[in-house]
Amino acid sequence: QVQLVESGGGLVQAGDSLTLTCTLSGVSGRTFSRYIMGWFRQAPGKEREFVGVVSWSGGRTWYKDSLKGRLSISRDNEKNTTYLQINSLKPEDTALYFCAAGAVWKSGSIWNSGDFDSWGQGTQVTVSS
């Protein structure tokens, strides 16, 4: 059974950078490379929104338009881990951040929760002004 665990969240100041980590377990190291890995976030009182996604090998990424330029998603298939780096953090980035695993890459499409099968519990990021 796939399990995802996020870490790296915390309280930061506006303008800081933060790297979140998501580790997948329950599968062998080679199988991790079969998953596309996505990141979502949910702010209080708002719906969960797509942040970005990385392909199986890490060669392709796709980001929410409004976040492009501040995000970087990468992965290490040897460690069953994916990373989300957020730069120039803003108070509006405050949210619970989730990682998710899926199987199908959608080039140039809008990503949503239904594209992913397994989810972590989330890690809280709070940005103070």
Foldseek 3Di string as FASTA:
>chain_A
DKAKAKDWADEEAAQAKTKMKIAIDPDDLVVLLQWKKFKWWDDPPGDIAGAKIAHSQRPDMDGDPVQPPQWDKGADSNRRMIMIMGGRDDQVVWTWMKMFIAHDDDPPDGDDPVRGDDIYPTDTHGYHD
